[in-house]
Amino acid sequence: MIFGVLAVYAALLAYGLPRPLHGASWTSRAPRLAVVMWLAAMISVVSVAVLVATLLFVPLHAIGDTLVLLVQWCGWPGHSLTISMRWTIPRVAGVVVSAAAVLRLLHVAVAVAGAGRRSRVRHRHDVRLLGRFHPALRIYILDHAGRSAFCLPGRSGGVVVTEGALRALPPAELDAVIAHERAHLAGRHHLILTATAVLARAFPAVPLFGTGHEELRRLVELTADDSAARRSAPHVVAEAVLRLAAPPAPVLGMANTAVRQRVLRLLTADPPLPRAAVAARGLIVVLLLFLPLVVTAVPALSDLGYHCS
């Protein structure tokens, strides 16, 4: 029963949630909250997959009892996990599918992480070779005629602005661009996009992962725009985005994702979500994160008195 509930729940999230969440207008008004909701949904689906795989070996009541005991202070009264090694056709099939999924995930993770590392090493090499550090602005200036600005995560990274962008941007817009890129670094957006890229490439048939990754690319830009707009005026950030996006289009940086939507959003300045709406969506995030565990613990909760007797 619980096994089926978890499977249906995961399927609804993986295939039913992406379209309405992708089309929801509120995500542009509260991009940070939308990022959290997309991530919570992905974590929820992955956690259900792990729970379902665990249920192939460990009885549901044993997992539920363990979850209940973890949040109690009454000790572990003779409780132990029961693991059955009796091999049945469903169990063998489940183990094969689970092993294939894990191997696929590891293979893609190594490929994506390796590609990202090589890209960062190449860009750091270019910056060291062709760039210089500006101590007043605390940025690296790359000797390149193109207009671009981007950030390099990591201990030896930072914000990089090309000579072309430095000449094209007025001081206020340059300040907004630097604030935008620093928001990416502070928010660890590269880690979010790397993790979701792994899921999207490993399981392309799951819309939640593919659509979610593309949405998160847009949402982290909106989040960084908001951070820059708090330091500068929104119209200054919009002008900086347009200036950097003007032909020739940059390959890297601030102005290569959802430019038109971002500029319109900054110029129209829609009001933020009401507190009640934020609270309601925050509750959804909590449910996404904890509902699988609660469902798994239901049998143990019905016998709660036993654990503290």
Protein backbone atom coordinates (compact mmCIF):
# COMPACT_ATOMS: atom_id res chain seq x y z
CA MET A 1 0.00 0.00 0.00
CA ILE A 2 2.64 2.55 1.09
CA PHE A 3 4.90 1.38 -1.74
CA GLY A 4 2.16 2.23 -4.25
CA VAL A 5 1.44 5.59 -2.60
CA LEU A 6 5.10 6.57 -2.85
CA ALA A 7 5.25 5.51 -6.50
CA VAL A 8 2.14 7.52 -7.42
CA TYR A 9 3.41 10.53 -5.46
CA ALA A 10 6.75 10.45 -7.27
CA ALA A 11 5.07 10.09 -10.67
CA LEU A 12 2.76 13.04 -10.00
CA LEU A 13 5.71 15.23 -9.03
CA ALA A 14 7.97 14.09 -11.85
CA TYR A 15 5.40 14.38 -14.64
CA GLY A 16 2.56 16.53 -13.31
CA LEU A 17 4.33 19.38 -11.50
CA PRO A 18 6.72 20.78 -14.17
CA ARG A 19 4.12 22.30 -16.49
CA PRO A 20 2.08 24.27 -13.89
CA LEU A 21 5.19 25.37 -11.97
CA HIS A 22 6.99 26.35 -15.16
CA GLY A 23 4.01 28.45 -16.26
CA ALA A 24 3.31 30.06 -12.89
CA SER A 25 3.67 33.83 -13.03
CA TRP A 26 4.50 34.11 -9.32
CA THR A 27 7.93 32.55 -9.88
CA SER A 28 9.16 35.75 -11.52
CA ARG A 29 7.95 37.79 -8.55
CA ALA A 30 9.65 35.51 -6.00
CA PRO A 31 12.50 33.79 -7.85
CA ARG A 32 14.38 32.76 -4.72
CA LEU A 33 11.31 30.98 -3.38
CA ALA A 34 10.75 29.37 -6.79
CA VAL A 35 14.34 28.07 -6.78
CA VAL A 36 13.71 26.48 -3.38
CA MET A 37 10.47 24.89 -4.59
CA TRP A 38 12.04 23.37 -7.71
CA LEU A 39 14.90 21.98 -5.63
CA ALA A 40 12.51 20.65 -2.98
CA ALA A 41 10.48 18.83 -5.64
CA MET A 42 13.62 17.24 -7.11
CA ILE A 43 14.90 16.24 -3.67
CA SER A 44 11.48 14.75 -2.89
CA VAL A 45 11.47 12.59 -6.02
CA VAL A 46 15.03 11.42 -5.42
CA SER A 47 14.26 10.61 -1.77
CA VAL A 48 11.22 8.58 -2.81
CA ALA A 49 13.38 6.64 -5.25
CA VAL A 50 15.86 5.89 -2.45
CA LEU A 51 13.06 4.85 -0.08
CA VAL A 52 11.50 2.57 -2.68
CA ALA A 53 14.87 0.94 -3.32
CA THR A 54 15.38 0.50 0.43
CA LEU A 55 11.97 -1.15 0.77
CA LEU A 56 13.22 -3.95 -1.46
CA PHE A 57 15.30 -5.20 1.49
CA VAL A 58 14.06 -3.55 4.66
CA PRO A 59 10.42 -3.96 5.79
CA LEU A 60 8.38 -0.78 5.92
CA HIS A 61 7.70 -1.10 9.65
CA ALA A 62 11.43 -1.28 10.39
CA ILE A 63 12.12 1.96 8.46
CA GLY A 64 9.15 3.68 10.10
CA ASP A 65 10.20 2.55 13.57
CA THR A 66 13.70 3.90 12.97
CA LEU A 67 12.38 7.29 11.81
CA VAL A 68 10.18 7.56 14.91
CA LEU A 69 13.02 6.57 17.24
CA LEU A 70 15.30 9.19 15.69
CA VAL A 71 13.00 11.99 16.82
CA GLN A 72 12.34 10.60 20.30
CA TRP A 73 14.42 10.79 23.45
CA CYS A 74 13.33 7.49 24.93
CA GLY A 75 16.10 5.30 23.58
CA TRP A 76 16.15 2.25 21.34
CA PRO A 77 14.18 -0.45 23.19
CA GLY A 78 15.40 -3.60 21.53
CA HIS A 79 14.88 -2.19 18.06
CA SER A 80 16.85 -3.54 15.11
CA LEU A 81 16.53 -3.40 11.34
CA THR A 82 15.33 -6.61 9.74
CA ILE A 83 17.00 -7.25 6.40
CA SER A 84 15.78 -10.19 4.37
CA MET A 85 18.14 -11.70 1.81
CA ARG A 86 15.54 -13.89 0.16
CA TRP A 87 15.74 -13.23 -3.56
CA THR A 88 12.50 -12.95 -5.48
CA ILE A 89 11.84 -11.88 -9.08
CA PRO A 90 10.53 -8.39 -8.08
CA ARG A 91 13.51 -7.90 -5.77
CA VAL A 92 16.03 -8.92 -8.42
CA ALA A 93 14.34 -6.62 -10.97
CA GLY A 94 14.34 -3.76 -8.47
CA VAL A 95 18.00 -4.25 -7.64
CA VAL A 96 18.96 -4.30 -11.32
CA VAL A 97 16.99 -1.11 -12.03
CA SER A 98 18.37 0.62 -8.93
CA ALA A 99 21.95 -0.36 -9.74
CA ALA A 100 21.55 0.83 -13.33
CA ALA A 101 20.15 4.17 -12.14
CA VAL A 102 23.00 4.68 -9.66
CA LEU A 103 25.66 3.81 -12.24
CA ARG A 104 24.05 6.12 -14.77
CA LEU A 105 23.93 8.92 -12.21
CA LEU A 106 27.58 8.44 -11.25
CA HIS A 107 28.70 8.31 -14.89
CA VAL A 108 26.90 11.56 -15.76
CA ALA A 109 28.02 13.24 -12.54
CA VAL A 110 31.66 12.52 -13.35
CA ALA A 111 31.20 13.78 -16.92
CA VAL A 112 29.39 16.99 -15.93
CA ALA A 113 31.72 17.75 -13.02
CA GLY A 114 34.75 17.07 -15.20
CA ALA A 115 33.51 19.33 -17.98
CA GLY A 116 32.76 22.09 -15.50
CA ARG A 117 36.17 21.79 -13.90
CA ARG A 118 37.94 21.89 -17.28
CA SER A 119 35.95 24.97 -18.25
CA ARG A 120 36.83 26.76 -15.01
CA VAL A 121 40.51 25.83 -15.34
CA ARG A 122 40.55 27.17 -18.92
CA HIS A 123 38.90 30.44 -17.91
CA ARG A 124 41.23 30.87 -14.94
CA HIS A 125 44.17 30.30 -17.25
CA ASP A 126 42.83 32.94 -19.65
CA VAL A 127 42.33 35.38 -16.79
CA ARG A 128 45.85 34.81 -15.44
CA LEU A 129 47.34 35.10 -18.93
CA LEU A 130 45.33 38.02 -20.32
CA GLY A 131 43.88 39.68 -17.26
CA ARG A 132 44.79 41.80 -14.29
CA PHE A 133 43.33 42.36 -10.86
CA HIS A 134 41.65 45.70 -10.14
CA PRO A 135 42.17 46.28 -6.38
CA ALA A 136 39.62 49.10 -6.05
CA LEU A 137 36.78 47.16 -7.69
CA ARG A 138 38.08 43.76 -6.51
CA ILE A 139 37.49 42.23 -9.93
CA TYR A 140 39.61 40.71 -12.67
CA ILE A 141 39.75 42.61 -15.95
CA LEU A 142 40.20 40.41 -19.01
CA ASP A 143 41.96 41.92 -22.03
CA HIS A 144 39.21 41.18 -24.54
CA ALA A 145 37.26 43.50 -26.83
CA GLY A 146 33.94 41.73 -26.35
CA ARG A 147 31.44 42.96 -23.78
CA SER A 148 31.01 40.31 -21.13
CA ALA A 149 31.01 39.77 -17.38
CA PHE A 150 30.98 36.46 -15.55
CA CYS A 151 32.06 34.84 -12.31
CA LEU A 152 34.51 32.05 -11.60
CA PRO A 153 33.52 30.06 -8.50
CA GLY A 154 36.08 28.58 -6.19
CA ARG A 155 38.80 29.78 -3.84
CA SER A 156 40.84 31.39 -6.61
CA GLY A 157 37.83 32.69 -8.51
CA GLY A 158 35.95 35.97 -8.53
CA VAL A 159 34.19 38.37 -10.86
CA VAL A 160 35.66 38.82 -14.35
CA VAL A 161 34.82 41.80 -16.60
CA THR A 162 36.24 42.23 -20.09
CA GLU A 163 37.90 45.42 -21.30
CA GLY A 164 35.07 45.83 -23.79
CA ALA A 165 32.46 45.76 -21.03
CA LEU A 166 34.54 48.07 -18.86
CA ARG A 167 34.64 50.67 -21.65
CA ALA A 168 30.94 50.28 -22.53
CA LEU A 169 29.44 50.40 -19.03
CA PRO A 170 28.97 53.63 -17.07
CA PRO A 171 30.09 53.43 -13.42
CA ALA A 172 26.58 52.80 -12.05
CA GLU A 173 25.92 49.97 -14.51
CA LEU A 174 29.35 48.46 -13.87
CA ASP A 175 28.56 48.44 -10.16
CA ALA A 176 25.26 46.66 -10.91
CA VAL A 177 27.01 44.05 -13.07
CA ILE A 178 29.57 43.32 -10.35
CA ALA A 179 26.79 43.00 -7.74
CA HIS A 180 24.92 40.61 -10.05
CA GLU A 181 27.93 38.34 -10.46
CA ARG A 182 28.76 38.41 -6.75
CA ALA A 183 25.19 37.33 -6.03
CA HIS A 184 25.83 34.23 -8.15
CA LEU A 185 28.95 33.45 -6.12
CA ALA A 186 27.27 34.09 -2.76
CA GLY A 187 24.27 31.94 -3.71
CA ARG A 188 26.45 29.03 -4.91
CA HIS A 189 24.37 29.03 -8.08
CA HIS A 190 26.98 27.00 -9.94
CA LEU A 191 26.42 24.10 -7.52
CA ILE A 192 22.64 24.26 -8.01
CA LEU A 193 22.95 24.23 -11.79
CA THR A 194 25.58 21.48 -11.79
CA ALA A 195 23.48 19.18 -9.59
CA THR A 196 20.32 19.71 -11.63
CA ALA A 197 22.25 19.33 -14.89
CA VAL A 198 23.39 15.91 -13.67
CA LEU A 199 19.81 14.84 -12.95
CA ALA A 200 18.54 16.24 -16.27
CA ARG A 201 21.22 14.46 -18.31
CA ALA A 202 21.06 11.22 -16.34
CA PHE A 203 17.26 10.93 -16.55
CA PRO A 204 16.12 12.91 -19.63
CA ALA A 205 12.72 11.18 -19.64
CA VAL A 206 11.80 12.85 -16.31
CA PRO A 207 10.32 16.31 -17.11
CA LEU A 208 10.85 17.57 -13.56
CA PHE A 209 14.61 17.35 -13.99
CA GLY A 210 14.91 18.70 -17.54
CA THR A 211 12.36 21.49 -17.23
CA GLY A 212 13.54 22.25 -13.71
CA HIS A 213 17.14 22.70 -14.80
CA GLU A 214 16.17 25.15 -17.55
CA GLU A 215 13.89 27.05 -15.18
CA LEU A 216 16.59 27.24 -12.54
CA ARG A 217 18.98 28.77 -15.07
CA ARG A 218 16.43 31.55 -15.56
CA LEU A 219 15.52 31.88 -11.89
CA VAL A 220 19.08 32.26 -10.62
CA GLU A 221 19.52 35.12 -13.09
CA LEU A 222 16.38 36.78 -11.72
CA THR A 223 17.64 36.25 -8.19
CA ALA A 224 20.97 37.87 -9.06
CA ASP A 225 19.13 40.72 -10.81
CA ASP A 226 17.15 41.37 -7.62
CA SER A 227 20.33 41.41 -5.58
CA ALA A 228 21.91 43.91 -8.00
CA ALA A 229 18.73 46.02 -8.03
CA ARG A 230 18.89 46.35 -4.24
CA ARG A 231 22.32 47.94 -4.64
CA SER A 232 21.49 49.96 -7.75
CA ALA A 233 18.17 51.04 -9.25
CA PRO A 234 16.25 48.37 -11.23
CA HIS A 235 16.42 50.45 -14.42
CA VAL A 236 20.21 50.63 -14.07
CA VAL A 237 20.41 46.82 -13.95
CA ALA A 238 18.10 46.61 -16.99
CA GLU A 239 20.28 49.02 -18.94
CA ALA A 240 23.38 47.03 -18.02
CA VAL A 241 21.77 43.80 -19.22
CA LEU A 242 20.80 45.42 -22.53
CA ARG A 243 24.24 46.94 -23.01
CA LEU A 244 25.97 43.60 -22.47
CA ALA A 245 23.43 41.75 -24.63
CA ALA A 246 23.88 44.06 -27.64
CA PRO A 247 25.56 42.40 -30.66
CA PRO A 248 27.93 40.67 -30.78
CA ALA A 249 26.14 38.47 -28.22
CA PRO A 250 28.38 37.22 -25.40
CA VAL A 251 29.01 33.52 -24.93
CA LEU A 252 29.51 33.84 -21.18
CA GLY A 253 28.09 36.02 -18.49
CA MET A 254 25.31 38.14 -17.24
CA ALA A 255 23.42 38.82 -20.48
CA ASN A 256 23.00 35.42 -22.12
CA THR A 257 19.82 34.12 -20.44
CA ALA A 258 16.20 35.35 -20.78
CA VAL A 259 17.30 38.90 -21.59
CA ARG A 260 13.94 40.24 -22.79
CA GLN A 261 11.99 38.87 -19.85
CA ARG A 262 14.55 40.10 -17.32
CA VAL A 263 14.59 43.62 -18.74
CA LEU A 264 10.79 43.87 -18.81
CA ARG A 265 10.60 42.53 -15.28
CA LEU A 266 13.10 45.08 -13.99
CA LEU A 267 11.35 47.97 -15.73
CA THR A 268 7.79 47.05 -14.73
CA ALA A 269 8.71 46.35 -11.09
CA ASP A 270 5.79 44.08 -10.14
CA PRO A 271 5.00 44.11 -6.41
CA PRO A 272 6.40 41.24 -4.35
CA LEU A 273 4.21 38.33 -3.34
CA PRO A 274 1.97 38.96 -0.31
CA ARG A 275 3.12 37.34 2.93
CA ALA A 276 0.20 34.91 2.88
CA ALA A 277 1.18 33.69 -0.58
CA VAL A 278 4.80 33.30 0.48
CA ALA A 279 3.74 31.37 3.59
CA ALA A 280 1.49 29.07 1.53
CA ARG A 281 4.28 28.26 -0.90
CA GLY A 282 6.69 27.80 1.97
CA LEU A 283 4.31 25.19 3.40
CA ILE A 284 4.32 23.40 0.05
CA VAL A 285 8.13 23.30 0.18
CA VAL A 286 8.00 21.76 3.67
CA LEU A 287 5.50 19.15 2.48
CA LEU A 288 7.65 18.30 -0.53
CA LEU A 289 10.68 17.74 1.68
CA PHE A 290 9.06 15.79 4.50
CA LEU A 291 5.95 14.08 3.10
CA PRO A 292 7.80 10.95 1.86
CA LEU A 293 9.31 10.42 5.31
CA VAL A 294 5.97 11.03 7.03
CA VAL A 295 4.20 8.54 4.77
CA THR A 296 6.91 5.98 5.48
CA ALA A 297 6.57 6.50 9.22
CA VAL A 298 2.75 6.19 9.30
CA PRO A 299 2.71 2.51 10.37
CA ALA A 300 5.14 3.25 13.22
CA LEU A 301 3.21 6.37 14.30
CA SER A 302 0.12 4.22 14.82
CA ASP A 303 2.10 2.24 17.41
CA LEU A 304 3.88 5.21 18.95
CA GLY A 305 3.26 4.13 22.55
CA TYR A 306 5.31 1.00 22.02
CA HIS A 307 8.54 2.91 21.48
CA CYS A 308 8.48 4.69 24.83
CA SER A 309 6.99 1.93 26.95
